[in-house]
């Protein structure tokens, strides 16, 4: 009889033990979840506390006139929460990349932007502004009574990549290349559409800049460059006799025609050789020639017309 009862007793004990173990596990899991929820609640409350929230945005490297726009852009990127719980304005978990991107987009004048946590509840925003490398004028130029080329409308500063970022004053900074680009004025493009755009491809702009600078080094002083369709250009240069150095006429402007079909470097070499030879020959004769135009678009054959 006892032998028959003992296995059933063991089975009842085993079931009871399993139930108690499952109960303890459930209680432990519930306690763990409760603790986790409590910690999450505390974390959310701390994250939203004033001493954890960005209260100041310091801006470095920008002119005062664009500082408010930078601060507003940074503050806008801090709005909202992560998953509806943690505020994006928390000084420890603020969206670093989003703030930097918002700042960089706040003004066309900003070239780079970086963000870091400052002292206390502050964010430090450091920017570098674009440096003018050229003046871009949409439309065609006008020639005044003296033969100089003048803009027909508003002109803009562009950086070394041809990126247009700011309206230029009536008297732009000296020493900058001046480019007339009618394509930018096609369709009545508004200033808002020109700012933040490229005058042309960066490669083309760099090649034009090199052409003008190397021509300047050869003594060919550029007033401006007109960029036409199909890679055709006109350079308006001061003539050899522009300052009364024995020119054959009072005309001080020489139009130099060039294009990018054969490479600007080769055309510049031909122009440089022609110009220096004309200057040396003119000085030897005691009379510098004046040119109405010089055309270097046809290989080593340079065509020209003397000013009347």
C-alpha atoms as a PDB file:
ATOM      1  CA  UNK A   1       0.000   0.000   0.000  1.00  0.00           C
ATOM      2  CA  UNK A   2       2.743   2.523   0.952  1.00  0.00           C
ATOM      3  CA  UNK A   3       4.683   1.600  -2.154  1.00  0.00           C
ATOM      4  CA  UNK A   4       1.686   2.473  -4.291  1.00  0.00           C
ATOM      5  CA  UNK A   5       1.055   5.853  -2.616  1.00  0.00           C
ATOM      6  CA  UNK A   6       4.675   7.244  -2.581  1.00  0.00           C
ATOM      7  CA  UNK A   7       4.964   8.160  -6.343  1.00  0.00           C
ATOM      8  CA  UNK A   8       1.708  10.157  -6.265  1.00  0.00           C
ATOM      9  CA  UNK A   9       2.925  12.100  -3.225  1.00  0.00           C
ATOM     10  CA  UNK A  10       6.175  13.004  -5.029  1.00  0.00           C
ATOM     11  CA  UNK A  11       4.192  14.193  -8.059  1.00  0.00           C
ATOM     12  CA  UNK A  12       2.023  16.481  -5.914  1.00  0.00           C
ATOM     13  CA  UNK A  13       5.136  17.976  -4.302  1.00  0.00           C
ATOM     14  CA  UNK A  14       6.765  18.546  -7.696  1.00  0.00           C
ATOM     15  CA  UNK A  15       3.701  20.393  -9.075  1.00  0.00           C
ATOM     16  CA  UNK A  16       3.477  22.555  -5.977  1.00  0.00           C
ATOM     17  CA  UNK A  17       7.166  23.498  -6.209  1.00  0.00           C
ATOM     18  CA  UNK A  18       6.840  24.443  -9.897  1.00  0.00           C
ATOM     19  CA  UNK A  19       3.830  26.638  -9.122  1.00  0.00           C
ATOM     20  CA  UNK A  20       5.681  28.412  -6.339  1.00  0.00           C
ATOM     21  CA  UNK A  21       8.726  28.943  -8.590  1.00  0.00           C
ATOM     22  CA  UNK A  22       6.557  30.417 -11.374  1.00  0.00           C
ATOM     23  CA  UNK A  23       4.846  32.648  -8.875  1.00  0.00           C
ATOM     24  CA  UNK A  24       8.152  33.934  -7.517  1.00  0.00           C
ATOM     25  CA  UNK A  25       9.384  34.548 -11.095  1.00  0.00           C
ATOM     26  CA  UNK A  26       6.225  36.494 -11.949  1.00  0.00           C
ATOM     27  CA  UNK A  27       6.556  38.569  -8.798  1.00  0.00           C
ATOM     28  CA  UNK A  28      10.231  39.236  -9.576  1.00  0.00           C
ATOM     29  CA  UNK A  29       9.444  40.252 -13.169  1.00  0.00           C
ATOM     30  CA  UNK A  30       6.690  42.582 -11.996  1.00  0.00           C
ATOM     31  CA  UNK A  31       9.029  44.129  -9.454  1.00  0.00           C
ATOM     32  CA  UNK A  32      11.683  44.577 -12.125  1.00  0.00           C
ATOM     33  CA  UNK A  33       9.239  46.248 -14.490  1.00  0.00           C
ATOM     34  CA  UNK A  34       8.031  48.494 -11.722  1.00  0.00           C
ATOM     35  CA  UNK A  35      11.612  49.501 -10.900  1.00  0.00           C
ATOM     36  CA  UNK A  36      12.368  50.087 -14.583  1.00  0.00           C
ATOM     37  CA  UNK A  37       9.255  52.215 -14.953  1.00  0.00           C
ATOM     38  CA  UNK A  38      10.239  54.177 -11.875  1.00  0.00           C
ATOM     39  CA  UNK A  39      13.729  54.808 -13.219  1.00  0.00           C
ATOM     40  CA  UNK A  40      12.302  55.789 -16.602  1.00  0.00           C
ATOM     41  CA  UNK A  41       9.912  58.199 -14.924  1.00  0.00           C
ATOM     42  CA  UNK A  42      12.774  59.727 -12.949  1.00  0.00           C
ATOM     43  CA  UNK A  43      14.925  59.974 -16.083  1.00  0.00           C
ATOM     44  CA  UNK A  44      12.165  61.712 -18.033  1.00  0.00           C
ATOM     45  CA  UNK A  45      11.534  64.116 -15.162  1.00  0.00           C
ATOM     46  CA  UNK A  46      15.235  64.889 -14.865  1.00  0.00           C
ATOM     47  CA  UNK A  47      15.607  65.359 -18.611  1.00  0.00           C
ATOM     48  CA  UNK A  48      12.807  67.904 -18.577  1.00  0.00           C
ATOM     49  CA  UNK A  49      14.142  69.734 -15.552  1.00  0.00           C
ATOM     50  CA  UNK A  50      15.306  73.300 -16.098  1.00  0.00           C
ATOM     51  CA  UNK A  51      18.859  72.575 -14.996  1.00  0.00           C
ATOM     52  CA  UNK A  52      19.115  69.958 -17.804  1.00  0.00           C
ATOM     53  CA  UNK A  53      17.627  72.137 -20.535  1.00  0.00           C
ATOM     54  CA  UNK A  54      19.595  74.299 -22.987  1.00  0.00           C
ATOM     55  CA  UNK A  55      18.975  77.889 -21.935  1.00  0.00           C
ATOM     56  CA  UNK A  56      21.700  79.776 -23.831  1.00  0.00           C
ATOM     57  CA  UNK A  57      23.024  79.531 -27.389  1.00  0.00           C
ATOM     58  CA  UNK A  58      26.388  81.227 -27.845  1.00  0.00           C
ATOM     59  CA  UNK A  59      27.472  82.043 -31.399  1.00  0.00           C
ATOM     60  CA  UNK A  60      31.108  82.508 -32.406  1.00  0.00           C
ATOM     61  CA  UNK A  61      32.635  83.554 -35.729  1.00  0.00           C
ATOM     62  CA  UNK A  62      29.558  85.234 -37.237  1.00  0.00           C
ATOM     63  CA  UNK A  63      28.868  88.889 -37.942  1.00  0.00           C
ATOM     64  CA  UNK A  64      26.313  90.355 -35.509  1.00  0.00           C
ATOM     65  CA  UNK A  65      23.655  90.844 -38.187  1.00  0.00           C
ATOM     66  CA  UNK A  66      23.168  87.092 -38.708  1.00  0.00           C
ATOM     67  CA  UNK A  67      23.578  85.973 -35.076  1.00  0.00           C
ATOM     68  CA  UNK A  68      19.800  86.152 -34.334  1.00  0.00           C
ATOM     69  CA  UNK A  69      19.017  83.953 -37.353  1.00  0.00           C
ATOM     70  CA  UNK A  70      21.621  81.414 -36.230  1.00  0.00           C
ATOM     71  CA  UNK A  71      20.243  81.306 -32.690  1.00  0.00           C
ATOM     72  CA  UNK A  72      16.681  80.925 -33.956  1.00  0.00           C
ATOM     73  CA  UNK A  73      17.696  78.059 -36.259  1.00  0.00           C
ATOM     74  CA  UNK A  74      19.518  76.268 -33.449  1.00  0.00           C
ATOM     75  CA  UNK A  75      16.590  76.733 -31.076  1.00  0.00           C
ATOM     76  CA  UNK A  76      14.188  75.385 -33.680  1.00  0.00           C
ATOM     77  CA  UNK A  77      16.244  72.212 -34.007  1.00  0.00           C
ATOM     78  CA  UNK A  78      15.895  71.686 -30.245  1.00  0.00           C
ATOM     79  CA  UNK A  79      12.099  71.713 -30.288  1.00  0.00           C
ATOM     80  CA  UNK A  80      10.161  68.514 -29.621  1.00  0.00           C
ATOM     81  CA  UNK A  81      11.000  65.212 -27.976  1.00  0.00           C
ATOM     82  CA  UNK A  82      12.475  61.819 -28.702  1.00  0.00           C
ATOM     83  CA  UNK A  83       9.663  59.240 -28.890  1.00  0.00           C
ATOM     84  CA  UNK A  84       7.396  61.626 -27.027  1.00  0.00           C
ATOM     85  CA  UNK A  85       9.450  61.223 -23.838  1.00  0.00           C
ATOM     86  CA  UNK A  86      12.853  62.888 -23.727  1.00  0.00           C
ATOM     87  CA  UNK A  87      13.160  66.563 -24.746  1.00  0.00           C
ATOM     88  CA  UNK A  88      15.539  67.341 -27.612  1.00  0.00           C
ATOM     89  CA  UNK A  89      16.677  70.404 -25.642  1.00  0.00           C
ATOM     90  CA  UNK A  90      18.416  68.283 -23.011  1.00  0.00           C
ATOM     91  CA  UNK A  91      22.052  69.412 -22.724  1.00  0.00           C
ATOM     92  CA  UNK A  92      23.285  65.808 -22.725  1.00  0.00           C
ATOM     93  CA  UNK A  93      21.198  64.302 -25.514  1.00  0.00           C
ATOM     94  CA  UNK A  94      20.495  67.275 -27.808  1.00  0.00           C
ATOM     95  CA  UNK A  95      20.505  66.413 -31.566  1.00  0.00           C
ATOM     96  CA  UNK A  96      24.025  67.552 -32.411  1.00  0.00           C
ATOM     97  CA  UNK A  97      23.874  66.879 -36.167  1.00  0.00           C
ATOM     98  CA  UNK A  98      20.424  68.441 -36.571  1.00  0.00           C
ATOM     99  CA  UNK A  99      21.482  71.639 -34.818  1.00  0.00           C
ATOM    100  CA  UNK A 100      24.634  71.962 -36.942  1.00  0.00           C
ATOM    101  CA  UNK A 101      22.635  71.383 -40.131  1.00  0.00           C
ATOM    102  CA  UNK A 102      19.999  73.944 -39.136  1.00  0.00           C
ATOM    103  CA  UNK A 103      22.677  76.539 -38.379  1.00  0.00           C
ATOM    104  CA  UNK A 104      24.459  75.935 -41.686  1.00  0.00           C
ATOM    105  CA  UNK A 105      21.169  76.436 -43.519  1.00  0.00           C
ATOM    106  CA  UNK A 106      20.224  79.610 -41.658  1.00  0.00           C
ATOM    107  CA  UNK A 107      22.212  81.911 -43.976  1.00  0.00           C
ATOM    108  CA  UNK A 108      23.945  81.489 -47.366  1.00  0.00           C
ATOM    109  CA  UNK A 109      26.897  83.309 -45.839  1.00  0.00           C
ATOM    110  CA  UNK A 110      27.746  80.383 -43.547  1.00  0.00           C
ATOM    111  CA  UNK A 111      30.284  77.964 -44.942  1.00  0.00           C
ATOM    112  CA  UNK A 112      30.815  75.640 -41.964  1.00  0.00           C
ATOM    113  CA  UNK A 113      29.109  75.161 -38.591  1.00  0.00           C
ATOM    114  CA  UNK A 114      29.991  73.131 -35.521  1.00  0.00           C
ATOM    115  CA  UNK A 115      28.153  72.677 -32.210  1.00  0.00           C
ATOM    116  CA  UNK A 116      29.365  71.670 -28.770  1.00  0.00           C
ATOM    117  CA  UNK A 117      28.160  71.853 -25.198  1.00  0.00           C
ATOM    118  CA  UNK A 118      29.321  75.005 -23.437  1.00  0.00           C
ATOM    119  CA  UNK A 119      29.423  75.837 -19.786  1.00  0.00           C
ATOM    120  CA  UNK A 120      26.352  75.034 -17.724  1.00  0.00           C
ATOM    121  CA  UNK A 121      23.210  74.954 -19.861  1.00  0.00           C
ATOM    122  CA  UNK A 122      24.774  76.590 -22.920  1.00  0.00           C
ATOM    123  CA  UNK A 123      25.419  75.372 -26.430  1.00  0.00           C
ATOM    124  CA  UNK A 124      28.393  76.846 -28.288  1.00  0.00           C
ATOM    125  CA  UNK A 125      27.880  77.320 -32.014  1.00  0.00           C
ATOM    126  CA  UNK A 126      30.969  78.143 -34.075  1.00  0.00           C
ATOM    127  CA  UNK A 127      30.675  79.170 -37.719  1.00  0.00           C
ATOM    128  CA  UNK A 128      32.944  80.320 -40.527  1.00  0.00           C
ATOM    129  CA  UNK A 129      31.551  82.753 -43.051  1.00  0.00           C
ATOM    130  CA  UNK A 130      32.215  82.614 -46.758  1.00  0.00           C
ATOM    131  CA  UNK A 131      34.903  84.931 -48.091  1.00  0.00           C
ATOM    132  CA  UNK A 132      34.191  86.897 -51.295  1.00  0.00           C
ATOM    133  CA  UNK A 133      36.339  85.737 -54.196  1.00  0.00           C
ATOM    134  CA  UNK A 134      34.415  87.377 -57.049  1.00  0.00           C
ATOM    135  CA  UNK A 135      31.507  89.639 -57.900  1.00  0.00           C
ATOM    136  CA  UNK A 136      28.702  88.097 -59.979  1.00  0.00           C
ATOM    137  CA  UNK A 137      26.341  90.338 -61.960  1.00  0.00           C
ATOM    138  CA  UNK A 138      23.304  88.739 -63.639  1.00  0.00           C
ATOM    139  CA  UNK A 139      22.580  90.226 -67.053  1.00  0.00           C
ATOM    140  CA  UNK A 140      24.711  92.092 -69.562  1.00  0.00           C
ATOM    141  CA  UNK A 141      26.969  95.037 -68.723  1.00  0.00           C
ATOM    142  CA  UNK A 142      26.589  98.600 -69.921  1.00  0.00           C
ATOM    143  CA  UNK A 143      29.492 100.576 -71.380  1.00  0.00           C
ATOM    144  CA  UNK A 144      29.774 104.128 -70.089  1.00  0.00           C
ATOM    145  CA  UNK A 145      31.185 107.145 -71.927  1.00  0.00           C
ATOM    146  CA  UNK A 146      34.724 106.332 -70.819  1.00  0.00           C
ATOM    147  CA  UNK A 147      34.512 102.810 -72.224  1.00  0.00           C
ATOM    148  CA  UNK A 148      34.323 101.125 -68.847  1.00  0.00           C
ATOM    149  CA  UNK A 149      31.822  98.345 -68.238  1.00  0.00           C
ATOM    150  CA  UNK A 150      29.179  99.000 -65.598  1.00  0.00           C
ATOM    151  CA  UNK A 151      26.577  96.644 -64.038  1.00  0.00           C
ATOM    152  CA  UNK A 152      22.996  97.036 -65.191  1.00  0.00           C
ATOM    153  CA  UNK A 153      21.527  95.827 -61.874  1.00  0.00           C
ATOM    154  CA  UNK A 154      22.286  94.237 -58.517  1.00  0.00           C
ATOM    155  CA  UNK A 155      25.492  92.228 -58.183  1.00  0.00           C
ATOM    156  CA  UNK A 156      26.460  89.557 -55.642  1.00  0.00           C
ATOM    157  CA  UNK A 157      29.480  88.171 -53.858  1.00  0.00           C
ATOM    158  CA  UNK A 158      30.553  84.596 -54.637  1.00  0.00           C
ATOM    159  CA  UNK A 159      33.130  82.434 -52.885  1.00  0.00           C
ATOM    160  CA  UNK A 160      36.011  80.554 -54.488  1.00  0.00           C
ATOM    161  CA  UNK A 161      33.641  77.834 -55.725  1.00  0.00           C
ATOM    162  CA  UNK A 162      31.272  80.280 -57.408  1.00  0.00           C
ATOM    163  CA  UNK A 163      28.641  79.972 -54.646  1.00  0.00           C
ATOM    164  CA  UNK A 164      26.587  83.186 -54.480  1.00  0.00           C
ATOM    165  CA  UNK A 165      25.972  84.124 -50.873  1.00  0.00           C
ATOM    166  CA  UNK A 166      25.456  87.857 -50.405  1.00  0.00           C
ATOM    167  CA  UNK A 167      24.380  91.005 -52.214  1.00  0.00           C
ATOM    168  CA  UNK A 168      27.410  93.143 -53.054  1.00  0.00           C
ATOM    169  CA  UNK A 169      27.473  96.868 -52.277  1.00  0.00           C
ATOM    170  CA  UNK A 170      27.569  99.498 -55.011  1.00  0.00           C
ATOM    171  CA  UNK A 171      31.335  99.662 -54.493  1.00  0.00           C
ATOM    172  CA  UNK A 172      32.453  96.032 -53.998  1.00  0.00           C
ATOM    173  CA  UNK A 173      35.647  95.105 -52.213  1.00  0.00           C
ATOM    174  CA  UNK A 174      38.665  95.851 -54.437  1.00  0.00           C
ATOM    175  CA  UNK A 175      40.722  93.175 -56.112  1.00  0.00           C
ATOM    176  CA  UNK A 176      37.855  90.805 -56.914  1.00  0.00           C
ATOM    177  CA  UNK A 177      37.081  89.390 -60.337  1.00  0.00           C
ATOM    178  CA  UNK A 178      33.896  90.731 -61.903  1.00  0.00           C
ATOM    179  CA  UNK A 179      31.713  88.374 -63.961  1.00  0.00           C
ATOM    180  CA  UNK A 180      28.596  89.147 -65.974  1.00  0.00           C
ATOM    181  CA  UNK A 181      26.376  86.088 -66.328  1.00  0.00           C
ATOM    182  CA  UNK A 182      23.187  86.701 -68.345  1.00  0.00           C
ATOM    183  CA  UNK A 183      22.049  83.101 -67.812  1.00  0.00           C
ATOM    184  CA  UNK A 184      21.359  83.931 -64.164  1.00  0.00           C
ATOM    185  CA  UNK A 185      18.890  86.620 -65.199  1.00  0.00           C
ATOM    186  CA  UNK A 186      16.963  84.446 -67.655  1.00  0.00           C
ATOM    187  CA  UNK A 187      13.316  84.079 -66.753  1.00  0.00           C
ATOM    188  CA  UNK A 188      13.492  87.013 -64.373  1.00  0.00           C
ATOM    189  CA  UNK A 189      15.199  85.087 -61.565  1.00  0.00           C
ATOM    190  CA  UNK A 190      14.618  86.896 -58.276  1.00  0.00           C
ATOM    191  CA  UNK A 191      17.372  87.725 -55.843  1.00  0.00           C
ATOM    192  CA  UNK A 192      16.034  85.087 -53.463  1.00  0.00           C
ATOM    193  CA  UNK A 193      16.684  82.468 -56.138  1.00  0.00           C
ATOM    194  CA  UNK A 194      20.188  83.711 -56.909  1.00  0.00           C
ATOM    195  CA  UNK A 195      21.380  83.747 -53.318  1.00  0.00           C
ATOM    196  CA  UNK A 196      22.393  80.255 -52.309  1.00  0.00           C
ATOM    197  CA  UNK A 197      23.019  79.105 -55.889  1.00  0.00           C
ATOM    198  CA  UNK A 198      26.143  78.592 -57.978  1.00  0.00           C
ATOM    199  CA  UNK A 199      27.085  81.063 -60.709  1.00  0.00           C
ATOM    200  CA  UNK A 200      28.231  78.110 -62.817  1.00  0.00           C
ATOM    201  CA  UNK A 201      29.885  74.778 -62.158  1.00  0.00           C
ATOM    202  CA  UNK A 202      32.715  74.998 -59.646  1.00  0.00           C
ATOM    203  CA  UNK A 203      35.178  73.609 -62.223  1.00  0.00           C
ATOM    204  CA  UNK A 204      34.248  76.248 -64.787  1.00  0.00           C
ATOM    205  CA  UNK A 205      34.405  79.006 -62.212  1.00  0.00           C
ATOM    206  CA  UNK A 206      37.855  77.921 -61.008  1.00  0.00           C
ATOM    207  CA  UNK A 207      39.109  77.845 -64.613  1.00  0.00           C
ATOM    208  CA  UNK A 208      37.789  81.360 -65.248  1.00  0.00           C
ATOM    209  CA  UNK A 209      39.353  82.642 -62.057  1.00  0.00           C
ATOM    210  CA  UNK A 210      42.711  81.131 -63.048  1.00  0.00           C
ATOM    211  CA  UNK A 211      42.459  82.664 -66.530  1.00  0.00           C
ATOM    212  CA  UNK A 212      41.794  86.149 -65.146  1.00  0.00           C
ATOM    213  CA  UNK A 213      44.473  85.938 -62.451  1.00  0.00           C
ATOM    214  CA  UNK A 214      47.141  84.630 -64.856  1.00  0.00           C
ATOM    215  CA  UNK A 215      46.213  87.289 -67.403  1.00  0.00           C
ATOM    216  CA  UNK A 216      46.574  89.896 -64.672  1.00  0.00           C
ATOM    217  CA  UNK A 217      50.033  88.557 -63.861  1.00  0.00           C
ATOM    218  CA  UNK A 218      50.966  89.082 -67.521  1.00  0.00           C
ATOM    219  CA  UNK A 219      49.920  92.738 -67.317  1.00  0.00           C
ATOM    220  CA  UNK A 220      46.444  92.300 -68.816  1.00  0.00           C
ATOM    221  CA  UNK A 221      44.252  94.160 -66.375  1.00  0.00           C
ATOM    222  CA  UNK A 222      40.712  92.812 -66.447  1.00  0.00           C
ATOM    223  CA  UNK A 223      37.700  95.025 -65.899  1.00  0.00           C
ATOM    224  CA  UNK A 224      35.236  92.149 -66.197  1.00  0.00           C
ATOM    225  CA  UNK A 225      34.376  88.874 -67.926  1.00  0.00           C
ATOM    226  CA  UNK A 226      31.153  88.190 -69.797  1.00  0.00           C
ATOM    227  CA  UNK A 227      30.138  84.506 -69.746  1.00  0.00           C
ATOM    228  CA  UNK A 228      28.024  83.686 -72.795  1.00  0.00           C
ATOM    229  CA  UNK A 229      26.349  80.473 -73.900  1.00  0.00           C
ATOM    230  CA  UNK A 230      28.312  77.469 -75.126  1.00  0.00           C
ATOM    231  CA  UNK A 231      31.519  78.166 -73.211  1.00  0.00           C
ATOM    232  CA  UNK A 232      32.150  81.486 -74.972  1.00  0.00           C
ATOM    233  CA  UNK A 233      33.621  84.408 -73.052  1.00  0.00           C
ATOM    234  CA  UNK A 234      34.597  88.024 -73.448  1.00  0.00           C
ATOM    235  CA  UNK A 235      37.221  89.629 -71.256  1.00  0.00           C
ATOM    236  CA  UNK A 236      37.093  93.415 -71.041  1.00  0.00           C
ATOM    237  CA  UNK A 237      40.659  94.540 -70.424  1.00  0.00           C
ATOM    238  CA  UNK A 238      42.360  97.873 -70.015  1.00  0.00           C
ATOM    239  CA  UNK A 239      44.205  98.611 -73.233  1.00  0.00           C
ATOM    240  CA  UNK A 240      47.956  98.949 -73.504  1.00  0.00           C
ATOM    241  CA  UNK A 241      47.509 102.698 -73.839  1.00  0.00           C
ATOM    242  CA  UNK A 242      44.782 103.010 -71.223  1.00  0.00           C
ATOM    243  CA  UNK A 243      46.763 105.502 -69.149  1.00  0.00           C
ATOM    244  CA  UNK A 244      48.008 107.689 -71.979  1.00  0.00           C
ATOM    245  CA  UNK A 245      51.148 105.706 -72.674  1.00  0.00           C
ATOM    246  CA  UNK A 246      51.265 106.613 -76.381  1.00  0.00           C
ATOM    247  CA  UNK A 247      48.202 104.683 -77.563  1.00  0.00           C
ATOM    248  CA  UNK A 248      47.076 105.176 -81.142  1.00  0.00           C
ATOM    249  CA  UNK A 249      43.590 106.205 -79.925  1.00  0.00           C
ATOM    250  CA  UNK A 250      41.770 107.297 -76.796  1.00  0.00           C
ATOM    251  CA  UNK A 251      39.912 103.971 -76.606  1.00  0.00           C
ATOM    252  CA  UNK A 252      40.981 102.320 -73.327  1.00  0.00           C
ATOM    253  CA  UNK A 253      38.991  99.081 -73.555  1.00  0.00           C
ATOM    254  CA  UNK A 254      40.122  95.946 -75.360  1.00  0.00           C
ATOM    255  CA  UNK A 255      37.700  93.052 -75.803  1.00  0.00           C
ATOM    256  CA  UNK A 256      39.403  89.654 -75.658  1.00  0.00           C
ATOM    257  CA  UNK A 257      37.427  86.740 -77.085  1.00  0.00           C
ATOM    258  CA  UNK A 258      38.165  83.251 -75.749  1.00  0.00           C
ATOM    259  CA  UNK A 259      36.375  79.951 -75.149  1.00  0.00           C
ATOM    260  CA  UNK A 260      36.868  76.616 -73.429  1.00  0.00           C
ATOM    261  CA  UNK A 261      36.804  74.473 -76.581  1.00  0.00           C
ATOM    262  CA  UNK A 262      40.567  74.063 -76.725  1.00  0.00           C
ATOM    263  CA  UNK A 263      41.308  74.585 -73.042  1.00  0.00           C
ATOM    264  CA  UNK A 264      41.695  77.922 -71.329  1.00  0.00           C
ATOM    265  CA  UNK A 265      45.338  77.313 -70.447  1.00  0.00           C
ATOM    266  CA  UNK A 266      46.394  77.104 -74.104  1.00  0.00           C
ATOM    267  CA  UNK A 267      44.444  80.225 -75.066  1.00  0.00           C
ATOM    268  CA  UNK A 268      45.921  82.102 -72.142  1.00  0.00           C
ATOM    269  CA  UNK A 269      49.439  81.185 -73.283  1.00  0.00           C
ATOM    270  CA  UNK A 270      48.693  82.500 -76.786  1.00  0.00           C
ATOM    271  CA  UNK A 271      47.164  85.686 -75.374  1.00  0.00           C
ATOM    272  CA  UNK A 272      50.087  86.261 -73.034  1.00  0.00           C
ATOM    273  CA  UNK A 273      52.648  85.824 -75.826  1.00  0.00           C
ATOM    274  CA  UNK A 274      50.738  88.155 -78.173  1.00  0.00           C
ATOM    275  CA  UNK A 275      50.208  90.826 -75.519  1.00  0.00           C
ATOM    276  CA  UNK A 276      53.804  90.888 -74.283  1.00  0.00           C
ATOM    277  CA  UNK A 277      55.121  90.993 -77.847  1.00  0.00           C
ATOM    278  CA  UNK A 278      52.786  93.883 -78.749  1.00  0.00           C
ATOM    279  CA  UNK A 279      53.879  95.771 -75.651  1.00  0.00           C
ATOM    280  CA  UNK A 280      57.608  95.210 -76.272  1.00  0.00           C
ATOM    281  CA  UNK A 281      57.303  96.182 -79.944  1.00  0.00           C
ATOM    282  CA  UNK A 282      55.251  99.280 -79.114  1.00  0.00           C
ATOM    283  CA  UNK A 283      57.696 100.466 -76.491  1.00  0.00           C
ATOM    284  CA  UNK A 284      60.583  99.978 -78.880  1.00  0.00           C
ATOM    285  CA  UNK A 285      58.788 102.203 -81.383  1.00  0.00           C
ATOM    286  CA  UNK A 286      57.779 104.706 -78.717  1.00  0.00           C
ATOM    287  CA  UNK A 287      54.084 104.150 -79.319  1.00  0.00           C
ATOM    288  CA  UNK A 288      51.906 101.502 -77.708  1.00  0.00           C
ATOM    289  CA  UNK A 289      49.146 100.076 -79.902  1.00  0.00           C
ATOM    290  CA  UNK A 290      45.499 100.144 -78.915  1.00  0.00           C
ATOM    291  CA  UNK A 291      43.359  97.123 -79.750  1.00  0.00           C
ATOM    292  CA  UNK A 292      39.646  97.091 -80.361  1.00  0.00           C
ATOM    293  CA  UNK A 293      39.624  93.334 -79.890  1.00  0.00           C
ATOM    294  CA  UNK A 294      41.902  90.310 -79.656  1.00  0.00           C
ATOM    295  CA  UNK A 295      40.588  86.846 -80.529  1.00  0.00           C
ATOM    296  CA  UNK A 296      42.442  83.751 -79.272  1.00  0.00           C
ATOM    297  CA  UNK A 297      39.786  81.145 -80.106  1.00  0.00           C
ATOM    298  CA  UNK A 298      41.565  79.714 -83.141  1.00  0.00           C
ATOM    299  CA  UNK A 299      44.616  77.935 -81.872  1.00  0.00           C
ATOM    300  CA  UNK A 300      47.964  79.679 -82.222  1.00  0.00           C
ATOM    301  CA  UNK A 301      46.464  82.086 -84.766  1.00  0.00           C
ATOM    302  CA  UNK A 302      45.601  85.269 -82.887  1.00  0.00           C
ATOM    303  CA  UNK A 303      43.268  87.675 -84.640  1.00  0.00           C
ATOM    304  CA  UNK A 304      42.956  91.315 -83.680  1.00  0.00           C
ATOM    305  CA  UNK A 305      41.781  94.714 -84.774  1.00  0.00           C
ATOM    306  CA  UNK A 306      43.597  97.916 -83.946  1.00  0.00           C
ATOM    307  CA  UNK A 307      41.579 100.709 -82.399  1.00  0.00           C
ATOM    308  CA  UNK A 308      40.869 103.582 -84.753  1.00  0.00           C
END
